[in-house]
Amino acid sequence: MSYPSFADISRTFAPGWFAAVMGTGVLALTTHGLAQRWPWLAPLAEGLHWFNSALFVLLALPWLTRWLRFRPAAMQTLMHPVQANFYPTFSIALLVLAAQWLTFTPCVDVAMALWWLGVIAHFAFSFAVLFFMFRGEHVAAEHVTPAQFIPAVGLVVMPLAGGPLLAQFEGAAREWVLTINIIGLGAGSMMYLGLLGLTLYRKYLHKPAQGILTPTVWIHLAPIGVIPVSLLNVAEQLPFPALRELAIGVMLLLWGFGVWWLVMASLLTLSARAAGQLPFALSWWGFTFPIGAFVAESLRLSKVLGWNSTFAIGVAAWLLLCFFWLVTLFRTARGVASGAIFQPHP
């Protein structure tokens, strides 16, 4: 079998590729957070930042080519009841990169541009993906997985870089940017609550998501980790001290759920692996960003409370993140080298 051409790769390019950028970005950011205590991690964190920036550019080429040259194929994916949810990984990747550039470089203008592009693209994708689902009759119970969280996750990711970027604005401009952050946080949080009930209903009463969808069980950790951090970012920009205390209370509540879900996701994944129901696919990148979001929440909580317990659990989760990232990167690189990963999955 010959190696696929760039045109073939672009025609079948999966929208979920940008989960790799999300996962690598959150690993870079959490490693940078740990470097505050262990400075020897700083070069690793910066290396991950530059690697991830280059990875985004590399992946953007076939992604954009697919929209420009093979639009019917791209639209067909946008109408798919499961695959459509992965399109917003592109805009979330932009938002994560904005946080990276704000953290690792003095290039605030680059971070600002990435954030605005991410905000505009994600609002567009969140409306498009959900509009087609709400208007159609093609989504059934067996299509419901935590992948449905992805549009909501992107909305709540906006304040991660959007909160710190508010320092660059004044007057009416600052008010509008703060409002955009609040709209994203509010919409994503409420969507998560509804989707949480829907996905638990599927887990209780329908056949479990297996095979290449097994890693989606970890996506629960993404909103669990991001919502309280973004809420705290917004609360710190408002003149209401009580709101910050409420945000810390919400963080404690969701963090506790995150610890429980981390164990549950591990048990379900180990069970699927033992049953031979965990084939490698791009969906393995779904392990990384959610765990990283939980790590970021743990580190932020330990900093706010000064607790060693939350820090220790955060470090344990970071080690798990490193393991999944290394394994998935190796398997992905091997698939790219052989060309097998570009074959459309049945």
C-alpha atoms as a PDB file:
ATOM      1  CA  MET A   1       0.000   0.000   0.000  1.00  0.00           C
ATOM      2  CA  SER A   2       1.513   3.338  -1.066  1.00  0.00           C
ATOM      3  CA  TYR A   3       1.752   6.282   1.280  1.00  0.00           C
ATOM      4  CA  PRO A   4      -1.288   8.596   0.873  1.00  0.00           C
ATOM      5  CA  SER A   5      -0.781  11.886  -0.982  1.00  0.00           C
ATOM      6  CA  PHE A   6      -1.372  15.258   0.669  1.00  0.00           C
ATOM      7  CA  ALA A   7      -4.674  15.482  -1.215  1.00  0.00           C
ATOM      8  CA  ASP A   8      -5.765  12.087   0.139  1.00  0.00           C
ATOM      9  CA  ILE A   9      -4.752  13.075   3.662  1.00  0.00           C
ATOM     10  CA  SER A  10      -6.670  16.353   3.396  1.00  0.00           C
ATOM     11  CA  ARG A  11      -9.795  14.707   1.972  1.00  0.00           C
ATOM     12  CA  THR A  12     -10.145  12.344   4.953  1.00  0.00           C
ATOM     13  CA  PHE A  13      -8.469  14.537   7.591  1.00  0.00           C
ATOM     14  CA  ALA A  14     -10.231  13.895  10.902  1.00  0.00           C
ATOM     15  CA  PRO A  15     -11.347  17.005  12.851  1.00  0.00           C
ATOM     16  CA  GLY A  16     -10.197  15.356  16.096  1.00  0.00           C
ATOM     17  CA  TRP A  17      -6.516  15.863  15.215  1.00  0.00           C
ATOM     18  CA  PHE A  18      -6.481  19.124  17.164  1.00  0.00           C
ATOM     19  CA  ALA A  19      -7.095  17.226  20.392  1.00  0.00           C
ATOM     20  CA  ALA A  20      -3.331  16.577  20.113  1.00  0.00           C
ATOM     21  CA  VAL A  21      -2.715  20.337  20.295  1.00  0.00           C
ATOM     22  CA  MET A  22      -5.106  20.659  23.232  1.00  0.00           C
ATOM     23  CA  GLY A  23      -3.401  17.829  25.126  1.00  0.00           C
ATOM     24  CA  THR A  24       0.138  18.998  24.408  1.00  0.00           C
ATOM     25  CA  GLY A  25      -0.778  22.565  25.327  1.00  0.00           C
ATOM     26  CA  VAL A  26      -2.237  21.655  28.689  1.00  0.00           C
ATOM     27  CA  LEU A  27       0.817  19.489  29.404  1.00  0.00           C
ATOM     28  CA  ALA A  28       3.046  22.489  28.653  1.00  0.00           C
ATOM     29  CA  LEU A  29       0.982  24.782  30.905  1.00  0.00           C
ATOM     30  CA  THR A  30       0.738  22.374  33.840  1.00  0.00           C
ATOM     31  CA  THR A  31       4.441  21.530  33.577  1.00  0.00           C
ATOM     32  CA  HIS A  32       5.134  25.273  33.716  1.00  0.00           C
ATOM     33  CA  GLY A  33       2.962  25.448  36.831  1.00  0.00           C
ATOM     34  CA  LEU A  34       4.968  22.678  38.478  1.00  0.00           C
ATOM     35  CA  ALA A  35       8.193  24.416  37.450  1.00  0.00           C
ATOM     36  CA  GLN A  36       7.351  27.141  39.962  1.00  0.00           C
ATOM     37  CA  ARG A  37       8.231  24.552  42.615  1.00  0.00           C
ATOM     38  CA  TRP A  38      10.665  22.442  40.575  1.00  0.00           C
ATOM     39  CA  PRO A  39      12.606  24.813  38.265  1.00  0.00           C
ATOM     40  CA  TRP A  40      14.272  21.950  36.377  1.00  0.00           C
ATOM     41  CA  LEU A  41      10.916  21.402  34.622  1.00  0.00           C
ATOM     42  CA  ALA A  42      10.968  24.874  33.027  1.00  0.00           C
ATOM     43  CA  PRO A  43      12.990  23.937  29.892  1.00  0.00           C
ATOM     44  CA  LEU A  44      10.695  20.947  29.303  1.00  0.00           C
ATOM     45  CA  ALA A  45       7.618  23.168  29.571  1.00  0.00           C
ATOM     46  CA  GLU A  46       9.031  25.717  27.127  1.00  0.00           C
ATOM     47  CA  GLY A  47      10.051  22.990  24.699  1.00  0.00           C
ATOM     48  CA  LEU A  48       6.501  21.655  24.767  1.00  0.00           C
ATOM     49  CA  HIS A  49       5.180  25.152  24.061  1.00  0.00           C
ATOM     50  CA  TRP A  50       7.229  25.568  20.879  1.00  0.00           C
ATOM     51  CA  PHE A  51       6.589  21.988  19.774  1.00  0.00           C
ATOM     52  CA  ASN A  52       2.860  22.538  20.168  1.00  0.00           C
ATOM     53  CA  SER A  53       2.895  25.837  18.261  1.00  0.00           C
ATOM     54  CA  ALA A  54       4.620  24.089  15.347  1.00  0.00           C
ATOM     55  CA  LEU A  55       2.230  21.133  15.606  1.00  0.00           C
ATOM     56  CA  PHE A  56      -0.783  23.437  15.250  1.00  0.00           C
ATOM     57  CA  VAL A  57       0.619  25.000  12.061  1.00  0.00           C
ATOM     58  CA  LEU A  58       1.394  21.558  10.654  1.00  0.00           C
ATOM     59  CA  LEU A  59      -2.114  20.257  11.334  1.00  0.00           C
ATOM     60  CA  ALA A  60      -3.800  23.435  10.105  1.00  0.00           C
ATOM     61  CA  LEU A  61      -2.537  22.862   6.557  1.00  0.00           C
ATOM     62  CA  PRO A  62      -4.563  19.705   5.732  1.00  0.00           C
ATOM     63  CA  TRP A  63      -7.461  20.926   7.906  1.00  0.00           C
ATOM     64  CA  LEU A  64      -7.834  24.159   5.933  1.00  0.00           C
ATOM     65  CA  THR A  65      -7.203  22.364   2.652  1.00  0.00           C
ATOM     66  CA  ARG A  66     -10.108  20.046   3.404  1.00  0.00           C
ATOM     67  CA  TRP A  67     -12.446  23.004   3.821  1.00  0.00           C
ATOM     68  CA  LEU A  68     -11.155  24.730   0.680  1.00  0.00           C
ATOM     69  CA  ARG A  69     -10.813  21.770  -1.723  1.00  0.00           C
ATOM     70  CA  PHE A  70     -13.077  19.083  -0.263  1.00  0.00           C
ATOM     71  CA  ARG A  71     -15.905  21.056   1.303  1.00  0.00           C
ATOM     72  CA  PRO A  72     -18.580  18.343   0.728  1.00  0.00           C
ATOM     73  CA  ALA A  73     -16.475  15.898   2.765  1.00  0.00           C
ATOM     74  CA  ALA A  74     -15.962  18.510   5.494  1.00  0.00           C
ATOM     75  CA  MET A  75     -19.699  19.278   5.590  1.00  0.00           C
ATOM     76  CA  GLN A  76     -20.542  15.580   5.724  1.00  0.00           C
ATOM     77  CA  THR A  77     -18.423  15.294   8.861  1.00  0.00           C
ATOM     78  CA  LEU A  78     -20.135  18.379  10.309  1.00  0.00           C
ATOM     79  CA  MET A  79     -23.479  16.570   9.923  1.00  0.00           C
ATOM     80  CA  HIS A  80     -22.242  13.370  11.600  1.00  0.00           C
ATOM     81  CA  PRO A  81     -23.823  12.781  15.051  1.00  0.00           C
ATOM     82  CA  VAL A  82     -20.463  11.923  16.683  1.00  0.00           C
ATOM     83  CA  GLN A  83     -17.649  13.257  14.482  1.00  0.00           C
ATOM     84  CA  ALA A  84     -19.141  16.769  14.349  1.00  0.00           C
ATOM     85  CA  ASN A  85     -18.371  17.243  18.049  1.00  0.00           C
ATOM     86  CA  PHE A  86     -14.640  17.084  17.290  1.00  0.00           C
ATOM     87  CA  TYR A  87     -14.627  20.100  14.937  1.00  0.00           C
ATOM     88  CA  PRO A  88     -14.455  22.562  17.859  1.00  0.00           C
ATOM     89  CA  THR A  89     -11.100  21.054  18.886  1.00  0.00           C
ATOM     90  CA  PHE A  90      -9.639  23.443  16.270  1.00  0.00           C
ATOM     91  CA  SER A  91     -10.960  26.544  18.015  1.00  0.00           C
ATOM     92  CA  ILE A  92     -10.151  25.164  21.483  1.00  0.00           C
ATOM     93  CA  ALA A  93      -6.586  24.586  20.278  1.00  0.00           C
ATOM     94  CA  LEU A  94      -6.409  28.298  19.384  1.00  0.00           C
ATOM     95  CA  LEU A  95      -7.609  29.250  22.882  1.00  0.00           C
ATOM     96  CA  VAL A  96      -5.080  26.919  24.511  1.00  0.00           C
ATOM     97  CA  LEU A  97      -2.313  28.381  22.339  1.00  0.00           C
ATOM     98  CA  ALA A  98      -3.376  31.859  23.449  1.00  0.00           C
ATOM     99  CA  ALA A  99      -2.856  30.801  27.071  1.00  0.00           C
ATOM    100  CA  GLN A 100       0.528  29.312  26.121  1.00  0.00           C
ATOM    101  CA  TRP A 101       1.781  32.441  24.357  1.00  0.00           C
ATOM    102  CA  LEU A 102       0.631  34.559  27.284  1.00  0.00           C
ATOM    103  CA  THR A 103       2.480  32.265  29.703  1.00  0.00           C
ATOM    104  CA  PHE A 104       5.702  31.513  27.839  1.00  0.00           C
ATOM    105  CA  THR A 105       6.424  34.666  25.817  1.00  0.00           C
ATOM    106  CA  PRO A 106       6.174  38.445  26.099  1.00  0.00           C
ATOM    107  CA  CYS A 107       4.216  38.469  22.803  1.00  0.00           C
ATOM    108  CA  VAL A 108       0.889  39.636  24.184  1.00  0.00           C
ATOM    109  CA  ASP A 109      -0.279  40.676  20.720  1.00  0.00           C
ATOM    110  CA  VAL A 110       0.139  37.102  19.443  1.00  0.00           C
ATOM    111  CA  ALA A 111      -1.789  35.760  22.436  1.00  0.00           C
ATOM    112  CA  MET A 112      -4.496  38.367  21.821  1.00  0.00           C
ATOM    113  CA  ALA A 113      -4.807  37.444  18.144  1.00  0.00           C
ATOM    114  CA  LEU A 114      -4.988  33.726  18.920  1.00  0.00           C
ATOM    115  CA  TRP A 115      -7.631  34.362  21.588  1.00  0.00           C
ATOM    116  CA  TRP A 116      -9.853  36.447  19.306  1.00  0.00           C
ATOM    117  CA  LEU A 117      -9.555  33.898  16.494  1.00  0.00           C
ATOM    118  CA  GLY A 118     -10.382  31.116  18.955  1.00  0.00           C
ATOM    119  CA  VAL A 119     -13.386  32.966  20.386  1.00  0.00           C
ATOM    120  CA  ILE A 120     -14.876  33.769  16.978  1.00  0.00           C
ATOM    121  CA  ALA A 121     -14.219  30.292  15.575  1.00  0.00           C
ATOM    122  CA  HIS A 122     -15.565  28.549  18.640  1.00  0.00           C
ATOM    123  CA  PHE A 123     -18.788  30.514  18.815  1.00  0.00           C
ATOM    124  CA  ALA A 124     -19.269  29.685  15.119  1.00  0.00           C
ATOM    125  CA  PHE A 125     -18.575  25.970  15.610  1.00  0.00           C
ATOM    126  CA  SER A 126     -20.655  25.680  18.782  1.00  0.00           C
ATOM    127  CA  PHE A 127     -23.682  27.166  17.022  1.00  0.00           C
ATOM    128  CA  ALA A 128     -23.141  25.200  13.789  1.00  0.00           C
ATOM    129  CA  VAL A 129     -22.613  21.800  15.437  1.00  0.00           C
ATOM    130  CA  LEU A 130     -25.557  22.125  17.806  1.00  0.00           C
ATOM    131  CA  PHE A 131     -27.844  23.764  15.228  1.00  0.00           C
ATOM    132  CA  PHE A 132     -27.548  20.754  12.918  1.00  0.00           C
ATOM    133  CA  MET A 133     -28.094  18.375  15.836  1.00  0.00           C
ATOM    134  CA  PHE A 134     -31.116  20.256  17.164  1.00  0.00           C
ATOM    135  CA  ARG A 135     -32.691  20.607  13.721  1.00  0.00           C
ATOM    136  CA  GLY A 136     -32.026  17.039  12.568  1.00  0.00           C
ATOM    137  CA  GLU A 137     -33.287  13.624  13.593  1.00  0.00           C
ATOM    138  CA  HIS A 138     -30.012  11.791  13.057  1.00  0.00           C
ATOM    139  CA  VAL A 139     -28.832  11.709  16.684  1.00  0.00           C
ATOM    140  CA  ALA A 140     -29.853   8.630  18.670  1.00  0.00           C
ATOM    141  CA  ALA A 141     -29.057   7.457  22.206  1.00  0.00           C
ATOM    142  CA  GLU A 142     -26.161   5.310  20.978  1.00  0.00           C
ATOM    143  CA  HIS A 143     -24.496   8.460  19.600  1.00  0.00           C
ATOM    144  CA  VAL A 144     -24.436  10.181  22.986  1.00  0.00           C
ATOM    145  CA  THR A 145     -20.942  10.143  24.509  1.00  0.00           C
ATOM    146  CA  PRO A 146     -18.924  12.671  26.529  1.00  0.00           C
ATOM    147  CA  ALA A 147     -17.638  13.887  23.137  1.00  0.00           C
ATOM    148  CA  GLN A 148     -20.814  15.997  23.231  1.00  0.00           C
ATOM    149  CA  PHE A 149     -19.040  18.032  25.930  1.00  0.00           C
ATOM    150  CA  ILE A 150     -16.456  19.380  23.467  1.00  0.00           C
ATOM    151  CA  PRO A 151     -18.467  22.408  22.220  1.00  0.00           C
ATOM    152  CA  ALA A 152     -19.298  23.251  25.834  1.00  0.00           C
ATOM    153  CA  VAL A 153     -15.672  22.818  26.926  1.00  0.00           C
ATOM    154  CA  GLY A 154     -14.496  25.364  24.353  1.00  0.00           C
ATOM    155  CA  LEU A 155     -16.936  27.933  25.700  1.00  0.00           C
ATOM    156  CA  VAL A 156     -15.661  27.588  29.259  1.00  0.00           C
ATOM    157  CA  VAL A 157     -12.024  27.609  28.064  1.00  0.00           C
ATOM    158  CA  MET A 158     -12.400  31.218  26.859  1.00  0.00           C
ATOM    159  CA  PRO A 159     -11.651  32.826  30.273  1.00  0.00           C
ATOM    160  CA  LEU A 160      -8.440  30.796  30.758  1.00  0.00           C
ATOM    161  CA  ALA A 161      -6.552  33.296  28.609  1.00  0.00           C
ATOM    162  CA  GLY A 162      -9.411  35.794  28.370  1.00  0.00           C
ATOM    163  CA  GLY A 163      -9.271  36.578  32.100  1.00  0.00           C
ATOM    164  CA  PRO A 164      -5.564  37.524  32.206  1.00  0.00           C
ATOM    165  CA  LEU A 165      -5.871  39.371  28.868  1.00  0.00           C
ATOM    166  CA  LEU A 166      -8.365  41.798  30.438  1.00  0.00           C
ATOM    167  CA  ALA A 167      -5.366  43.701  31.821  1.00  0.00           C
ATOM    168  CA  GLN A 168      -4.716  44.857  28.230  1.00  0.00           C
ATOM    169  CA  PHE A 169      -8.102  46.602  27.957  1.00  0.00           C
ATOM    170  CA  GLU A 170      -9.650  49.688  29.514  1.00  0.00           C
ATOM    171  CA  GLY A 171     -13.077  51.261  29.701  1.00  0.00           C
ATOM    172  CA  ALA A 172     -15.794  50.023  27.342  1.00  0.00           C
ATOM    173  CA  ALA A 173     -13.428  47.601  25.556  1.00  0.00           C
ATOM    174  CA  ARG A 174     -12.621  45.873  28.856  1.00  0.00           C
ATOM    175  CA  GLU A 175     -16.322  45.646  29.687  1.00  0.00           C
ATOM    176  CA  TRP A 176     -17.124  43.989  26.361  1.00  0.00           C
ATOM    177  CA  VAL A 177     -14.260  41.483  26.589  1.00  0.00           C
ATOM    178  CA  LEU A 178     -15.313  40.616  30.145  1.00  0.00           C
ATOM    179  CA  THR A 179     -18.877  40.170  28.889  1.00  0.00           C
ATOM    180  CA  ILE A 180     -17.688  37.772  26.166  1.00  0.00           C
ATOM    181  CA  ASN A 181     -15.862  35.711  28.794  1.00  0.00           C
ATOM    182  CA  ILE A 182     -18.982  35.601  30.952  1.00  0.00           C
ATOM    183  CA  ILE A 183     -21.183  34.548  28.008  1.00  0.00           C
ATOM    184  CA  GLY A 184     -18.790  31.706  27.178  1.00  0.00           C
ATOM    185  CA  LEU A 185     -18.517  30.580  30.791  1.00  0.00           C
ATOM    186  CA  GLY A 186     -22.266  30.754  31.378  1.00  0.00           C
ATOM    187  CA  ALA A 187     -23.273  28.994  28.161  1.00  0.00           C
ATOM    188  CA  GLY A 188     -20.675  26.240  28.506  1.00  0.00           C
ATOM    189  CA  SER A 189     -21.426  25.598  32.184  1.00  0.00           C
ATOM    190  CA  MET A 190     -25.176  25.276  31.649  1.00  0.00           C
ATOM    191  CA  MET A 191     -24.652  23.052  28.601  1.00  0.00           C
ATOM    192  CA  TYR A 192     -22.384  20.799  30.663  1.00  0.00           C
ATOM    193  CA  LEU A 193     -25.028  20.335  33.354  1.00  0.00           C
ATOM    194  CA  GLY A 194     -27.585  19.196  30.779  1.00  0.00           C
ATOM    195  CA  LEU A 195     -25.130  16.987  28.906  1.00  0.00           C
ATOM    196  CA  LEU A 196     -23.900  15.436  32.143  1.00  0.00           C
ATOM    197  CA  GLY A 197     -27.391  14.100  32.804  1.00  0.00           C
ATOM    198  CA  LEU A 198     -27.696  12.914  29.206  1.00  0.00           C
ATOM    199  CA  THR A 199     -24.388  11.024  29.233  1.00  0.00           C
ATOM    200  CA  LEU A 200     -25.088   9.423  32.619  1.00  0.00           C
ATOM    201  CA  TYR A 201     -28.474   8.315  31.251  1.00  0.00           C
ATOM    202  CA  ARG A 202     -26.627   6.629  28.377  1.00  0.00           C
ATOM    203  CA  LYS A 203     -24.204   4.940  30.780  1.00  0.00           C
ATOM    204  CA  TYR A 204     -27.006   3.592  32.960  1.00  0.00           C
ATOM    205  CA  LEU A 205     -29.521   2.470  30.375  1.00  0.00           C
ATOM    206  CA  HIS A 206     -27.770   1.905  27.036  1.00  0.00           C
ATOM    207  CA  LYS A 207     -24.872  -0.037  25.613  1.00  0.00           C
ATOM    208  CA  PRO A 208     -21.573   1.533  26.784  1.00  0.00           C
ATOM    209  CA  ALA A 209     -19.328   3.391  24.337  1.00  0.00           C
ATOM    210  CA  GLN A 210     -16.514   0.996  23.486  1.00  0.00           C
ATOM    211  CA  GLY A 211     -13.746   0.558  20.954  1.00  0.00           C
ATOM    212  CA  ILE A 212     -12.307   3.821  19.649  1.00  0.00           C
ATOM    213  CA  LEU A 213     -14.862   5.743  21.769  1.00  0.00           C
ATOM    214  CA  THR A 214     -13.566   4.294  25.062  1.00  0.00           C
ATOM    215  CA  PRO A 215     -11.272   7.302  25.760  1.00  0.00           C
ATOM    216  CA  THR A 216     -14.259   9.670  25.612  1.00  0.00           C
ATOM    217  CA  VAL A 217     -15.139   8.643  29.170  1.00  0.00           C
ATOM    218  CA  TRP A 218     -12.217  10.835  30.269  1.00  0.00           C
ATOM    219  CA  ILE A 219     -13.733  13.946  28.645  1.00  0.00           C
ATOM    220  CA  HIS A 220     -15.861  14.383  31.797  1.00  0.00           C
ATOM    221  CA  LEU A 221     -12.717  15.707  33.475  1.00  0.00           C
ATOM    222  CA  ALA A 222     -12.390  18.598  30.995  1.00  0.00           C
ATOM    223  CA  PRO A 223     -15.389  20.696  32.117  1.00  0.00           C
ATOM    224  CA  ILE A 224     -14.886  19.518  35.714  1.00  0.00           C
ATOM    225  CA  GLY A 225     -11.378  20.994  35.584  1.00  0.00           C
ATOM    226  CA  VAL A 226     -11.912  24.070  33.403  1.00  0.00           C
ATOM    227  CA  ILE A 227     -15.193  25.503  34.740  1.00  0.00           C
ATOM    228  CA  PRO A 228     -13.963  26.370  38.268  1.00  0.00           C
ATOM    229  CA  VAL A 229     -10.617  27.757  37.023  1.00  0.00           C
ATOM    230  CA  SER A 230     -12.392  29.975  34.481  1.00  0.00           C
ATOM    231  CA  LEU A 231     -14.972  31.010  37.096  1.00  0.00           C
ATOM    232  CA  LEU A 232     -12.169  32.074  39.428  1.00  0.00           C
ATOM    233  CA  ASN A 233     -10.477  33.985  36.577  1.00  0.00           C
ATOM    234  CA  VAL A 234     -13.696  35.916  35.961  1.00  0.00           C
ATOM    235  CA  ALA A 235     -14.412  36.435  39.672  1.00  0.00           C
ATOM    236  CA  GLU A 236     -10.974  37.997  40.165  1.00  0.00           C
ATOM    237  CA  GLN A 237     -11.855  40.619  37.537  1.00  0.00           C
ATOM    238  CA  LEU A 238     -15.047  41.719  39.312  1.00  0.00           C
ATOM    239  CA  PRO A 239     -15.355  43.949  42.419  1.00  0.00           C
ATOM    240  CA  PHE A 240     -17.228  41.296  44.408  1.00  0.00           C
ATOM    241  CA  PRO A 241     -15.017  39.490  46.982  1.00  0.00           C
ATOM    242  CA  ALA A 242     -17.867  37.139  47.877  1.00  0.00           C
ATOM    243  CA  LEU A 243     -17.931  35.903  44.273  1.00  0.00           C
ATOM    244  CA  ARG A 244     -14.314  34.774  44.577  1.00  0.00           C
ATOM    245  CA  GLU A 245     -15.169  32.822  47.723  1.00  0.00           C
ATOM    246  CA  LEU A 246     -18.113  31.233  45.911  1.00  0.00           C
ATOM    247  CA  ALA A 247     -15.808  30.313  43.001  1.00  0.00           C
ATOM    248  CA  ILE A 248     -13.442  28.558  45.405  1.00  0.00           C
ATOM    249  CA  GLY A 249     -16.401  26.647  46.867  1.00  0.00           C
ATOM    250  CA  VAL A 250     -17.476  25.556  43.376  1.00  0.00           C
ATOM    251  CA  MET A 251     -13.894  24.532  42.646  1.00  0.00           C
ATOM    252  CA  LEU A 252     -13.799  22.330  45.751  1.00  0.00           C
ATOM    253  CA  LEU A 253     -17.101  20.709  44.806  1.00  0.00           C
ATOM    254  CA  LEU A 254     -16.115  19.944  41.214  1.00  0.00           C
ATOM    255  CA  TRP A 255     -12.577  18.941  42.162  1.00  0.00           C
ATOM    256  CA  GLY A 256     -13.984  16.308  44.508  1.00  0.00           C
ATOM    257  CA  PHE A 257     -16.148  14.971  41.690  1.00  0.00           C
ATOM    258  CA  GLY A 258     -13.055  15.051  39.470  1.00  0.00           C
ATOM    259  CA  VAL A 259     -11.081  12.826  41.844  1.00  0.00           C
ATOM    260  CA  TRP A 260     -13.938  10.316  41.894  1.00  0.00           C
ATOM    261  CA  TRP A 261     -14.308  10.398  38.110  1.00  0.00           C
ATOM    262  CA  LEU A 262     -10.561   9.992  37.616  1.00  0.00           C
ATOM    263  CA  VAL A 263     -10.784   6.654  39.426  1.00  0.00           C
ATOM    264  CA  MET A 264     -13.959   5.626  37.568  1.00  0.00           C
ATOM    265  CA  ALA A 265     -12.467   6.483  34.170  1.00  0.00           C
ATOM    266  CA  SER A 266      -9.353   4.484  35.055  1.00  0.00           C
ATOM    267  CA  LEU A 267     -11.437   1.451  36.010  1.00  0.00           C
ATOM    268  CA  LEU A 268     -13.532   1.625  32.837  1.00  0.00           C
ATOM    269  CA  THR A 269     -10.422   2.021  30.667  1.00  0.00           C
ATOM    270  CA  LEU A 270      -8.611  -0.889  32.326  1.00  0.00           C
ATOM    271  CA  SER A 271     -11.735  -3.023  31.926  1.00  0.00           C
ATOM    272  CA  ALA A 272     -11.979  -2.140  28.212  1.00  0.00           C
ATOM    273  CA  ARG A 273      -8.289  -2.926  27.721  1.00  0.00           C
ATOM    274  CA  ALA A 274      -8.627  -6.285  29.458  1.00  0.00           C
ATOM    275  CA  ALA A 275     -11.570  -7.106  27.175  1.00  0.00           C
ATOM    276  CA  GLY A 276      -9.602  -6.138  24.057  1.00  0.00           C
ATOM    277  CA  GLN A 277     -11.876  -3.126  23.449  1.00  0.00           C
ATOM    278  CA  LEU A 278      -9.242  -0.398  23.362  1.00  0.00           C
ATOM    279  CA  PRO A 279      -7.788  -0.227  19.823  1.00  0.00           C
ATOM    280  CA  PHE A 280      -5.478   2.687  19.086  1.00  0.00           C
ATOM    281  CA  ALA A 281      -7.085   5.624  17.294  1.00  0.00           C
ATOM    282  CA  LEU A 282      -6.838   9.411  17.269  1.00  0.00           C
ATOM    283  CA  SER A 283      -9.447   9.360  20.041  1.00  0.00           C
ATOM    284  CA  TRP A 284      -6.610   8.408  22.412  1.00  0.00           C
ATOM    285  CA  TRP A 285      -5.736  12.108  22.497  1.00  0.00           C
ATOM    286  CA  GLY A 286      -9.010  12.357  24.418  1.00  0.00           C
ATOM    287  CA  PHE A 287      -7.089  11.051  27.421  1.00  0.00           C
ATOM    288  CA  THR A 288      -4.775  14.054  27.579  1.00  0.00           C
ATOM    289  CA  PHE A 289      -6.591  17.404  27.717  1.00  0.00           C
ATOM    290  CA  PRO A 290      -9.190  16.275  30.284  1.00  0.00           C
ATOM    291  CA  ILE A 291      -6.522  14.940  32.653  1.00  0.00           C
ATOM    292  CA  GLY A 292      -4.523  18.128  32.110  1.00  0.00           C
ATOM    293  CA  ALA A 293      -7.565  20.237  32.950  1.00  0.00           C
ATOM    294  CA  PHE A 294      -7.917  18.334  36.221  1.00  0.00           C
ATOM    295  CA  VAL A 295      -4.206  18.849  36.944  1.00  0.00           C
ATOM    296  CA  ALA A 296      -4.552  22.597  36.318  1.00  0.00           C
ATOM    297  CA  GLU A 297      -7.533  22.721  38.673  1.00  0.00           C
ATOM    298  CA  SER A 298      -5.613  20.792  41.341  1.00  0.00           C
ATOM    299  CA  LEU A 299      -2.588  23.103  41.132  1.00  0.00           C
ATOM    300  CA  ARG A 300      -4.781  26.216  41.252  1.00  0.00           C
ATOM    301  CA  LEU A 301      -6.690  24.848  44.253  1.00  0.00           C
ATOM    302  CA  SER A 302      -3.512  23.936  46.129  1.00  0.00           C
ATOM    303  CA  LYS A 303      -2.189  27.448  45.488  1.00  0.00           C
ATOM    304  CA  VAL A 304      -5.384  29.057  46.780  1.00  0.00           C
ATOM    305  CA  LEU A 305      -5.746  26.828  49.854  1.00  0.00           C
ATOM    306  CA  GLY A 306      -2.119  25.965  50.531  1.00  0.00           C
ATOM    307  CA  TRP A 307      -3.012  22.268  50.836  1.00  0.00           C
ATOM    308  CA  ASN A 308      -0.428  19.558  50.182  1.00  0.00           C
ATOM    309  CA  SER A 309      -3.152  16.947  49.610  1.00  0.00           C
ATOM    310  CA  THR A 310      -4.583  18.638  46.520  1.00  0.00           C
ATOM    311  CA  PHE A 311      -1.055  19.263  45.239  1.00  0.00           C
ATOM    312  CA  ALA A 312      -0.063  15.607  45.689  1.00  0.00           C
ATOM    313  CA  ILE A 313      -3.164  14.390  43.822  1.00  0.00           C
ATOM    314  CA  GLY A 314      -2.450  16.961  41.105  1.00  0.00           C
ATOM    315  CA  VAL A 315       1.114  15.691  40.701  1.00  0.00           C
ATOM    316  CA  ALA A 316      -0.127  12.082  40.512  1.00  0.00           C
ATOM    317  CA  ALA A 317      -2.572  13.119  37.772  1.00  0.00           C
ATOM    318  CA  TRP A 318       0.240  15.003  35.982  1.00  0.00           C
ATOM    319  CA  LEU A 319       2.334  11.831  35.935  1.00  0.00           C
ATOM    320  CA  LEU A 320      -0.649   9.976  34.460  1.00  0.00           C
ATOM    321  CA  LEU A 321      -0.974  12.760  31.883  1.00  0.00           C
ATOM    322  CA  CYS A 322       2.710  12.378  30.951  1.00  0.00           C
ATOM    323  CA  PHE A 323       2.228   8.621  30.525  1.00  0.00           C
ATOM    324  CA  PHE A 324      -0.825   8.962  28.267  1.00  0.00           C
ATOM    325  CA  TRP A 325       0.798  11.777  26.272  1.00  0.00           C
ATOM    326  CA  LEU A 326       4.001   9.826  25.626  1.00  0.00           C
ATOM    327  CA  VAL A 327       2.172   6.612  24.672  1.00  0.00           C
ATOM    328  CA  THR A 328      -0.291   8.427  22.415  1.00  0.00           C
ATOM    329  CA  LEU A 329       2.425  10.534  20.780  1.00  0.00           C
ATOM    330  CA  PHE A 330       4.484   7.409  20.052  1.00  0.00           C
ATOM    331  CA  ARG A 331       1.522   5.508  18.627  1.00  0.00           C
ATOM    332  CA  THR A 332       0.468   8.549  16.573  1.00  0.00           C
ATOM    333  CA  ALA A 333       3.977   9.068  15.181  1.00  0.00           C
ATOM    334  CA  ARG A 334       4.115   5.391  14.230  1.00  0.00           C
ATOM    335  CA  GLY A 335       0.747   5.693  12.496  1.00  0.00           C
ATOM    336  CA  VAL A 336       1.887   8.808  10.621  1.00  0.00           C
ATOM    337  CA  ALA A 337       5.118   7.086   9.525  1.00  0.00           C
ATOM    338  CA  SER A 338       3.182   4.127   8.096  1.00  0.00           C
ATOM    339  CA  GLY A 339       0.308   6.236   6.762  1.00  0.00           C
ATOM    340  CA  ALA A 340      -2.200   3.950   8.522  1.00  0.00           C
ATOM    341  CA  ILE A 341      -3.532   6.744  10.725  1.00  0.00           C
ATOM    342  CA  PHE A 342      -4.762   8.655   7.669  1.00  0.00           C
ATOM    343  CA  GLN A 343      -7.009   5.817   6.557  1.00  0.00           C
ATOM    344  CA  PRO A 344     -10.696   6.614   7.191  1.00  0.00           C
ATOM    345  CA  HIS A 345     -12.048   4.598  10.098  1.00  0.00           C
ATOM    346  CA  PRO A 346     -15.133   2.483   9.351  1.00  0.00           C
END
